[in-house]
């Protein structure tokens, strides 16, 4: 997967829509997707705002633009879970 170059003021919600499709729910402040890092059977939710994201479930991964781009790349390449834990640390 190749990511488009982003700027420091990119809206993370748009990046998430391009990657994971339509959100489960959204408001003017944030949108919700299933967390790509957590196991499907946990039904964990990832909240993505314009400038930050956070898993509200088990993995608690969080960050900004660079971390989200790293997460998207890692999930596309099926990187092991222990690497994803380091991203959210």
PDB file of N, CA and C in Angstrom:
ATOM      1  N   UNK A   1       0.843  -1.175   0.000  1.00  0.00           N
ATOM      2  CA  UNK A   1       0.000   0.000   0.000  1.00  0.00           C
ATOM      3  C   UNK A   1       0.882   1.229   0.000  1.00  0.00           C
ATOM      4  N   UNK A   2       0.565   2.178  -0.840  1.00  0.00           N
ATOM      5  CA  UNK A   2       1.311   3.416  -0.910  1.00  0.00           C
ATOM      6  C   UNK A   2       0.457   4.550  -0.386  1.00  0.00           C
ATOM      7  N   UNK A   3       0.988   5.271   0.583  1.00  0.00           N
ATOM      8  CA  UNK A   3       0.264   6.405   1.134  1.00  0.00           C
ATOM      9  C   UNK A   3       0.589   7.658   0.347  1.00  0.00           C
ATOM     10  N   UNK A   4      -0.409   8.508   0.191  1.00  0.00           N
ATOM     11  CA  UNK A   4      -0.188   9.788  -0.447  1.00  0.00           C
ATOM     12  C   UNK A   4       0.567  10.684   0.528  1.00  0.00           C
ATOM     13  N   UNK A   5       1.420  11.576   0.037  1.00  0.00           N
ATOM     14  CA  UNK A   5       2.077  12.511   0.948  1.00  0.00           C
ATOM     15  C   UNK A   5       1.031  13.361   1.659  1.00  0.00           C
ATOM     16  N   UNK A   6       1.240  13.570   2.945  1.00  0.00           N
ATOM     17  CA  UNK A   6       0.289  14.360   3.718  1.00  0.00           C
ATOM     18  C   UNK A   6       0.980  15.591   4.281  1.00  0.00           C
ATOM     19  N   UNK A   7       0.176  16.552   4.647  1.00  0.00           N
ATOM     20  CA  UNK A   7       0.701  17.752   5.266  1.00  0.00           C
ATOM     21  C   UNK A   7       0.405  17.701   6.749  1.00  0.00           C
ATOM     22  N   UNK A   8       1.005  18.583   7.505  1.00  0.00           N
ATOM     23  CA  UNK A   8       0.817  18.615   8.943  1.00  0.00           C
ATOM     24  C   UNK A   8      -0.603  18.937   9.357  1.00  0.00           C
ATOM     25  N   UNK A   9      -1.413  19.506   8.465  1.00  0.00           N
ATOM     26  CA  UNK A   9      -2.780  19.870   8.826  1.00  0.00           C
ATOM     27  C   UNK A   9      -3.812  18.961   8.166  1.00  0.00           C
ATOM     28  N   UNK A  10      -3.415  17.726   7.838  1.00  0.00           N
ATOM     29  CA  UNK A  10      -4.342  16.774   7.224  1.00  0.00           C
ATOM     30  C   UNK A  10      -5.420  16.368   8.225  1.00  0.00           C
ATOM     31  N   UNK A  11      -6.638  16.167   7.749  1.00  0.00           N
ATOM     32  CA  UNK A  11      -7.736  15.709   8.596  1.00  0.00           C
ATOM     33  C   UNK A  11      -7.676  14.184   8.652  1.00  0.00           C
ATOM     34  N   UNK A  12      -7.440  13.648   9.829  1.00  0.00           N
ATOM     35  CA  UNK A  12      -7.292  12.202   9.983  1.00  0.00           C
ATOM     36  C   UNK A  12      -8.565  11.450   9.627  1.00  0.00           C
ATOM     37  N   UNK A  13      -9.714  12.098   9.779  1.00  0.00           N
ATOM     38  CA  UNK A  13     -10.979  11.441   9.429  1.00  0.00           C
ATOM     39  C   UNK A  13     -11.024  11.123   7.940  1.00  0.00           C
ATOM     40  N   UNK A  14     -10.518  12.017   7.113  1.00  0.00           N
ATOM     41  CA  UNK A  14     -10.511  11.777   5.669  1.00  0.00           C
ATOM     42  C   UNK A  14      -9.578  10.619   5.324  1.00  0.00           C
ATOM     43  N   UNK A  15      -8.429  10.571   5.968  1.00  0.00           N
ATOM     44  CA  UNK A  15      -7.493   9.465   5.762  1.00  0.00           C
ATOM     45  C   UNK A  15      -8.125   8.140   6.173  1.00  0.00           C
ATOM     46  N   UNK A  16      -8.861   8.144   7.278  1.00  0.00           N
ATOM     47  CA  UNK A  16      -9.543   6.928   7.744  1.00  0.00           C
ATOM     48  C   UNK A  16     -10.634   6.496   6.769  1.00  0.00           C
ATOM     49  N   UNK A  17     -11.393   7.441   6.226  1.00  0.00           N
ATOM     50  CA  UNK A  17     -12.439   7.117   5.243  1.00  0.00           C
ATOM     51  C   UNK A  17     -11.818   6.488   4.015  1.00  0.00           C
ATOM     52  N   UNK A  18     -10.704   7.034   3.544  1.00  0.00           N
ATOM     53  CA  UNK A  18     -10.029   6.491   2.362  1.00  0.00           C
ATOM     54  C   UNK A  18      -9.496   5.081   2.614  1.00  0.00           C
ATOM     55  N   UNK A  19      -9.165   4.786   3.862  1.00  0.00           N
ATOM     56  CA  UNK A  19      -8.587   3.489   4.207  1.00  0.00           C
ATOM     57  C   UNK A  19      -9.637   2.457   4.585  1.00  0.00           C
ATOM     58  N   UNK A  20     -10.548   2.822   5.512  1.00  0.00           N
ATOM     59  CA  UNK A  20     -11.493   1.862   6.084  1.00  0.00           C
ATOM     60  C   UNK A  20     -12.923   2.036   5.599  1.00  0.00           C
ATOM     61  N   UNK A  21     -13.168   3.017   4.766  1.00  0.00           N
ATOM     62  CA  UNK A  21     -14.522   3.224   4.263  1.00  0.00           C
ATOM     63  C   UNK A  21     -15.365   4.069   5.207  1.00  0.00           C
ATOM     64  N   UNK A  22     -16.654   4.011   4.991  1.00  0.00           N
ATOM     65  CA  UNK A  22     -17.598   4.818   5.758  1.00  0.00           C
ATOM     66  C   UNK A  22     -17.558   4.470   7.249  1.00  0.00           C
ATOM     67  N   UNK A  23     -17.572   5.476   8.132  1.00  0.00           N
ATOM     68  CA  UNK A  23     -17.536   5.188   9.566  1.00  0.00           C
ATOM     69  C   UNK A  23     -18.843   4.581  10.068  1.00  0.00           C
ATOM     70  N   UNK A  24     -18.766   3.935  11.224  1.00  0.00           N
ATOM     71  CA  UNK A  24     -19.960   3.383  11.862  1.00  0.00           C
ATOM     72  C   UNK A  24     -20.875   4.500  12.334  1.00  0.00           C
ATOM     73  N   UNK A  25     -20.265   5.585  12.811  1.00  0.00           N
ATOM     74  CA  UNK A  25     -21.001   6.759  13.279  1.00  0.00           C
ATOM     75  C   UNK A  25     -20.066   7.955  13.188  1.00  0.00           C
ATOM     76  N   UNK A  26     -20.644   9.145  13.078  1.00  0.00           N
ATOM     77  CA  UNK A  26     -19.800  10.335  13.013  1.00  0.00           C
ATOM     78  C   UNK A  26     -20.562  11.554  13.506  1.00  0.00           C
ATOM     79  N   UNK A  27     -19.788  12.546  13.905  1.00  0.00           N
ATOM     80  CA  UNK A  27     -20.329  13.845  14.290  1.00  0.00           C
ATOM     81  C   UNK A  27     -19.393  14.896  13.720  1.00  0.00           C
ATOM     82  N   UNK A  28     -19.617  16.134  14.053  1.00  0.00           N
ATOM     83  CA  UNK A  28     -18.734  17.181  13.551  1.00  0.00           C
ATOM     84  C   UNK A  28     -17.364  17.128  14.225  1.00  0.00           C
ATOM     85  N   UNK A  29     -17.235  16.408  15.342  1.00  0.00           N
ATOM     86  CA  UNK A  29     -15.974  16.346  16.078  1.00  0.00           C
ATOM     87  C   UNK A  29     -15.156  15.086  15.822  1.00  0.00           C
ATOM     88  N   UNK A  30     -15.812  13.946  15.604  1.00  0.00           N
ATOM     89  CA  UNK A  30     -15.090  12.690  15.455  1.00  0.00           C
ATOM     90  C   UNK A  30     -15.950  11.668  14.721  1.00  0.00           C
ATOM     91  N   UNK A  31     -15.278  10.605  14.269  1.00  0.00           N
ATOM     92  CA  UNK A  31     -15.967   9.490  13.618  1.00  0.00           C
ATOM     93  C   UNK A  31     -15.470   8.190  14.247  1.00  0.00           C
ATOM     94  N   UNK A  32     -16.278   7.133  14.148  1.00  0.00           N
ATOM     95  CA  UNK A  32     -15.972   5.856  14.785  1.00  0.00           C
ATOM     96  C   UNK A  32     -15.862   4.732  13.767  1.00  0.00           C
ATOM     97  N   UNK A  33     -14.813   3.933  13.906  1.00  0.00           N
ATOM     98  CA  UNK A  33     -14.604   2.727  13.106  1.00  0.00           C
ATOM     99  C   UNK A  33     -14.281   1.582  14.041  1.00  0.00           C
ATOM    100  N   UNK A  34     -14.392   0.356  13.553  1.00  0.00           N
ATOM    101  CA  UNK A  34     -13.880  -0.787  14.300  1.00  0.00           C
ATOM    102  C   UNK A  34     -12.361  -0.658  14.338  1.00  0.00           C
ATOM    103  N   UNK A  35     -11.764  -0.932  15.478  1.00  0.00           N
ATOM    104  CA  UNK A  35     -10.312  -0.811  15.608  1.00  0.00           C
ATOM    105  C   UNK A  35      -9.631  -1.905  14.787  1.00  0.00           C
ATOM    106  N   UNK A  36      -8.729  -1.532  13.875  1.00  0.00           N
ATOM    107  CA  UNK A  36      -8.048  -2.537  13.056  1.00  0.00           C
ATOM    108  C   UNK A  36      -6.983  -3.314  13.825  1.00  0.00           C
ATOM    109  N   UNK A  37      -6.628  -2.863  15.024  1.00  0.00           N
ATOM    110  CA  UNK A  37      -5.588  -3.535  15.817  1.00  0.00           C
ATOM    111  C   UNK A  37      -6.160  -4.575  16.768  1.00  0.00           C
ATOM    112  N   UNK A  38      -7.387  -4.401  17.186  1.00  0.00           N
ATOM    113  CA  UNK A  38      -8.011  -5.315  18.147  1.00  0.00           C
ATOM    114  C   UNK A  38      -8.640  -6.504  17.422  1.00  0.00           C
ATOM    115  N   UNK A  39      -8.808  -7.593  18.152  1.00  0.00           N
ATOM    116  CA  UNK A  39      -9.457  -8.758  17.577  1.00  0.00           C
ATOM    117  C   UNK A  39     -10.912  -8.433  17.270  1.00  0.00           C
ATOM    118  N   UNK A  40     -11.423  -8.967  16.161  1.00  0.00           N
ATOM    119  CA  UNK A  40     -12.787  -8.669  15.721  1.00  0.00           C
ATOM    120  C   UNK A  40     -13.843  -8.993  16.773  1.00  0.00           C
ATOM    121  N   UNK A  41     -13.657 -10.081  17.508  1.00  0.00           N
ATOM    122  CA  UNK A  41     -14.681 -10.498  18.463  1.00  0.00           C
ATOM    123  C   UNK A  41     -14.783  -9.579  19.681  1.00  0.00           C
ATOM    124  N   UNK A  42     -13.856  -8.633  19.856  1.00  0.00           N
ATOM    125  CA  UNK A  42     -13.941  -7.693  20.972  1.00  0.00           C
ATOM    126  C   UNK A  42     -14.804  -6.488  20.624  1.00  0.00           C
ATOM    127  N   UNK A  43     -15.076  -6.276  19.348  1.00  0.00           N
ATOM    128  CA  UNK A  43     -15.886  -5.154  18.878  1.00  0.00           C
ATOM    129  C   UNK A  43     -15.352  -3.801  19.363  1.00  0.00           C
ATOM    130  N   UNK A  44     -14.042  -3.667  19.420  1.00  0.00           N
ATOM    131  CA  UNK A  44     -13.419  -2.422  19.867  1.00  0.00           C
ATOM    132  C   UNK A  44     -13.623  -1.320  18.843  1.00  0.00           C
ATOM    133  N   UNK A  45     -13.756  -0.117  19.335  1.00  0.00           N
ATOM    134  CA  UNK A  45     -14.026   1.046  18.496  1.00  0.00           C
ATOM    135  C   UNK A  45     -12.822   1.976  18.500  1.00  0.00           C
ATOM    136  N   UNK A  46     -12.496   2.522  17.326  1.00  0.00           N
ATOM    137  CA  UNK A  46     -11.464   3.540  17.212  1.00  0.00           C
ATOM    138  C   UNK A  46     -12.144   4.867  16.914  1.00  0.00           C
ATOM    139  N   UNK A  47     -11.846   5.864  17.722  1.00  0.00           N
ATOM    140  CA  UNK A  47     -12.385   7.209  17.524  1.00  0.00           C
ATOM    141  C   UNK A  47     -11.317   8.029  16.808  1.00  0.00           C
ATOM    142  N   UNK A  48     -11.716   8.650  15.696  1.00  0.00           N
ATOM    143  CA  UNK A  48     -10.786   9.460  14.918  1.00  0.00           C
ATOM    144  C   UNK A  48     -11.336  10.879  14.826  1.00  0.00           C
ATOM    145  N   UNK A  49     -10.551  11.832  15.320  1.00  0.00           N
ATOM    146  CA  UNK A  49     -10.885  13.253  15.214  1.00  0.00           C
ATOM    147  C   UNK A  49     -10.006  13.857  14.130  1.00  0.00           C
ATOM    148  N   UNK A  50     -10.102  15.144  13.927  1.00  0.00           N
ATOM    149  CA  UNK A  50      -9.345  15.803  12.865  1.00  0.00           C
ATOM    150  C   UNK A  50      -7.838  15.668  13.053  1.00  0.00           C
ATOM    151  N   UNK A  51      -7.358  15.688  14.306  1.00  0.00           N
ATOM    152  CA  UNK A  51      -5.914  15.696  14.535  1.00  0.00           C
ATOM    153  C   UNK A  51      -5.390  14.590  15.441  1.00  0.00           C
ATOM    154  N   UNK A  52      -6.257  13.669  15.872  1.00  0.00           N
ATOM    155  CA  UNK A  52      -5.802  12.571  16.711  1.00  0.00           C
ATOM    156  C   UNK A  52      -6.763  11.392  16.632  1.00  0.00           C
ATOM    157  N   UNK A  53      -6.279  10.224  17.054  1.00  0.00           N
ATOM    158  CA  UNK A  53      -7.121   9.032  17.089  1.00  0.00           C
ATOM    159  C   UNK A  53      -6.841   8.265  18.368  1.00  0.00           C
ATOM    160  N   UNK A  54      -7.791   7.407  18.764  1.00  0.00           N
ATOM    161  CA  UNK A  54      -7.623   6.599  19.973  1.00  0.00           C
ATOM    162  C   UNK A  54      -8.536   5.386  19.901  1.00  0.00           C
ATOM    163  N   UNK A  55      -7.976   4.221  20.268  1.00  0.00           N
ATOM    164  CA  UNK A  55      -8.779   3.019  20.404  1.00  0.00           C
ATOM    165  C   UNK A  55      -9.472   3.085  21.759  1.00  0.00           C
ATOM    166  N   UNK A  56     -10.773   2.866  21.765  1.00  0.00           N
ATOM    167  CA  UNK A  56     -11.532   2.869  23.008  1.00  0.00           C
ATOM    168  C   UNK A  56     -11.689   1.462  23.564  1.00  0.00           C
ATOM    169  N   UNK A  57     -11.011   0.498  22.941  1.00  0.00           N
ATOM    170  CA  UNK A  57     -11.111  -0.896  23.350  1.00  0.00           C
ATOM    171  C   UNK A  57      -9.860  -1.390  24.033  1.00  0.00           C
ATOM    172  N   UNK A  58      -9.459  -2.619  23.711  1.00  0.00           N
ATOM    173  CA  UNK A  58      -8.375  -3.300  24.407  1.00  0.00           C
ATOM    174  C   UNK A  58      -6.994  -2.732  24.150  1.00  0.00           C
ATOM    175  N   UNK A  59      -6.648  -2.417  22.921  1.00  0.00           N
ATOM    176  CA  UNK A  59      -5.254  -2.072  22.614  1.00  0.00           C
ATOM    177  C   UNK A  59      -4.877  -0.655  23.032  1.00  0.00           C
ATOM    178  N   UNK A  60      -5.834   0.242  23.124  1.00  0.00           N
ATOM    179  CA  UNK A  60      -5.604   1.624  23.577  1.00  0.00           C
ATOM    180  C   UNK A  60      -4.581   2.381  22.735  1.00  0.00           C
ATOM    181  N   UNK A  61      -4.381   1.967  21.496  1.00  0.00           N
ATOM    182  CA  UNK A  61      -3.451   2.663  20.618  1.00  0.00           C
ATOM    183  C   UNK A  61      -3.976   4.075  20.360  1.00  0.00           C
ATOM    184  N   UNK A  62      -3.071   5.039  20.281  1.00  0.00           N
ATOM    185  CA  UNK A  62      -3.477   6.427  20.099  1.00  0.00           C
ATOM    186  C   UNK A  62      -2.343   7.196  19.439  1.00  0.00           C
ATOM    187  N   UNK A  63      -2.667   8.354  18.896  1.00  0.00           N
ATOM    188  CA  UNK A  63      -1.631   9.178  18.309  1.00  0.00           C
ATOM    189  C   UNK A  63      -2.186  10.219  17.364  1.00  0.00           C
ATOM    190  N   UNK A  64      -1.295  10.717  16.529  1.00  0.00           N
ATOM    191  CA  UNK A  64      -1.630  11.742  15.555  1.00  0.00           C
ATOM    192  C   UNK A  64      -1.421  11.240  14.138  1.00  0.00           C
ATOM    193  N   UNK A  65      -1.097  12.130  13.243  1.00  0.00           N
ATOM    194  CA  UNK A  65      -0.978  11.816  11.820  1.00  0.00           C
ATOM    195  C   UNK A  65       0.078  10.747  11.544  1.00  0.00           C
ATOM    196  N   UNK A  66       1.281  10.915  12.061  1.00  0.00           N
ATOM    197  CA  UNK A  66       2.350   9.950  11.770  1.00  0.00           C
ATOM    198  C   UNK A  66       2.026   8.562  12.298  1.00  0.00           C
ATOM    199  N   UNK A  67       1.453   8.496  13.483  1.00  0.00           N
ATOM    200  CA  UNK A  67       1.094   7.198  14.057  1.00  0.00           C
ATOM    201  C   UNK A  67      -0.022   6.527  13.261  1.00  0.00           C
ATOM    202  N   UNK A  68      -1.000   7.308  12.795  1.00  0.00           N
ATOM    203  CA  UNK A  68      -2.088   6.728  12.007  1.00  0.00           C
ATOM    204  C   UNK A  68      -1.569   6.218  10.667  1.00  0.00           C
ATOM    205  N   UNK A  69      -0.689   6.958  10.024  1.00  0.00           N
ATOM    206  CA  UNK A  69      -0.105   6.488   8.765  1.00  0.00           C
ATOM    207  C   UNK A  69       0.697   5.211   8.983  1.00  0.00           C
ATOM    208  N   UNK A  70       1.425   5.133  10.091  1.00  0.00           N
ATOM    209  CA  UNK A  70       2.185   3.927  10.411  1.00  0.00           C
ATOM    210  C   UNK A  70       1.249   2.749  10.662  1.00  0.00           C
ATOM    211  N   UNK A  71       0.168   3.000  11.379  1.00  0.00           N
ATOM    212  CA  UNK A  71      -0.830   1.964  11.655  1.00  0.00           C
ATOM    213  C   UNK A  71      -1.453   1.443  10.371  1.00  0.00           C
ATOM    214  N   UNK A  72      -1.804   2.334   9.453  1.00  0.00           N
ATOM    215  CA  UNK A  72      -2.413   1.935   8.189  1.00  0.00           C
ATOM    216  C   UNK A  72      -1.436   1.093   7.375  1.00  0.00           C
ATOM    217  N   UNK A  73      -0.200   1.522   7.314  1.00  0.00           N
ATOM    218  CA  UNK A  73       0.815   0.766   6.585  1.00  0.00           C
ATOM    219  C   UNK A  73       1.023  -0.603   7.217  1.00  0.00           C
ATOM    220  N   UNK A  74       1.108  -0.641   8.538  1.00  0.00           N
ATOM    221  CA  UNK A  74       1.333  -1.905   9.245  1.00  0.00           C
ATOM    222  C   UNK A  74       0.169  -2.868   9.047  1.00  0.00           C
ATOM    223  N   UNK A  75      -1.058  -2.368   9.120  1.00  0.00           N
ATOM    224  CA  UNK A  75      -2.207  -3.255   8.962  1.00  0.00           C
ATOM    225  C   UNK A  75      -2.320  -3.755   7.528  1.00  0.00           C
ATOM    226  N   UNK A  76      -1.896  -2.950   6.557  1.00  0.00           N
ATOM    227  CA  UNK A  76      -1.928  -3.383   5.160  1.00  0.00           C
ATOM    228  C   UNK A  76      -0.871  -4.450   4.888  1.00  0.00           C
ATOM    229  N   UNK A  77       0.232  -4.379   5.617  1.00  0.00           N
ATOM    230  CA  UNK A  77       1.322  -5.335   5.426  1.00  0.00           C
ATOM    231  C   UNK A  77       1.251  -6.495   6.410  1.00  0.00           C
ATOM    232  N   UNK A  78       0.208  -6.529   7.258  1.00  0.00           N
ATOM    233  CA  UNK A  78       0.003  -7.587   8.251  1.00  0.00           C
ATOM    234  C   UNK A  78       1.204  -7.723   9.183  1.00  0.00           C
ATOM    235  N   UNK A  79       1.622  -6.620   9.756  1.00  0.00           N
ATOM    236  CA  UNK A  79       2.730  -6.593  10.705  1.00  0.00           C
ATOM    237  C   UNK A  79       2.268  -7.244  12.017  1.00  0.00           C
ATOM    238  N   UNK A  80       3.145  -7.981  12.689  1.00  0.00           N
ATOM    239  CA  UNK A  80       2.766  -8.646  13.942  1.00  0.00           C
ATOM    240  C   UNK A  80       2.273  -7.662  15.003  1.00  0.00           C
ATOM    241  N   UNK A  81       1.437  -8.173  15.919  1.00  0.00           N
ATOM    242  CA  UNK A  81       0.826  -7.358  16.965  1.00  0.00           C
ATOM    243  C   UNK A  81       1.838  -6.664  17.862  1.00  0.00           C
ATOM    244  N   UNK A  82       2.980  -7.286  18.136  1.00  0.00           N
ATOM    245  CA  UNK A  82       3.941  -6.669  19.047  1.00  0.00           C
ATOM    246  C   UNK A  82       4.508  -5.375  18.479  1.00  0.00           C
ATOM    247  N   UNK A  83       4.591  -5.243  17.168  1.00  0.00           N
ATOM    248  CA  UNK A  83       5.034  -4.005  16.540  1.00  0.00           C
ATOM    249  C   UNK A  83       3.959  -2.932  16.704  1.00  0.00           C
ATOM    250  N   UNK A  84       2.686  -3.304  16.569  1.00  0.00           N
ATOM    251  CA  UNK A  84       1.597  -2.342  16.725  1.00  0.00           C
ATOM    252  C   UNK A  84       1.527  -1.826  18.154  1.00  0.00           C
ATOM    253  N   UNK A  85       1.870  -2.657  19.130  1.00  0.00           N
ATOM    254  CA  UNK A  85       1.899  -2.199  20.524  1.00  0.00           C
ATOM    255  C   UNK A  85       2.944  -1.119  20.688  1.00  0.00           C
ATOM    256  N   UNK A  86       4.107  -1.260  20.035  1.00  0.00           N
ATOM    257  CA  UNK A  86       5.145  -0.252  20.116  1.00  0.00           C
ATOM    258  C   UNK A  86       4.698   1.069  19.513  1.00  0.00           C
ATOM    259  N   UNK A  87       3.881   1.040  18.472  1.00  0.00           N
ATOM    260  CA  UNK A  87       3.395   2.259  17.833  1.00  0.00           C
ATOM    261  C   UNK A  87       2.556   3.064  18.821  1.00  0.00           C
ATOM    262  N   UNK A  88       1.725   2.407  19.597  1.00  0.00           N
ATOM    263  CA  UNK A  88       0.835   3.103  20.523  1.00  0.00           C
ATOM    264  C   UNK A  88       1.491   3.454  21.854  1.00  0.00           C
ATOM    265  N   UNK A  89       2.699   3.009  22.077  1.00  0.00           N
ATOM    266  CA  UNK A  89       3.359   3.244  23.379  1.00  0.00           C
ATOM    267  C   UNK A  89       3.678   4.702  23.607  1.00  0.00           C
TER     268      UNK A  89
END
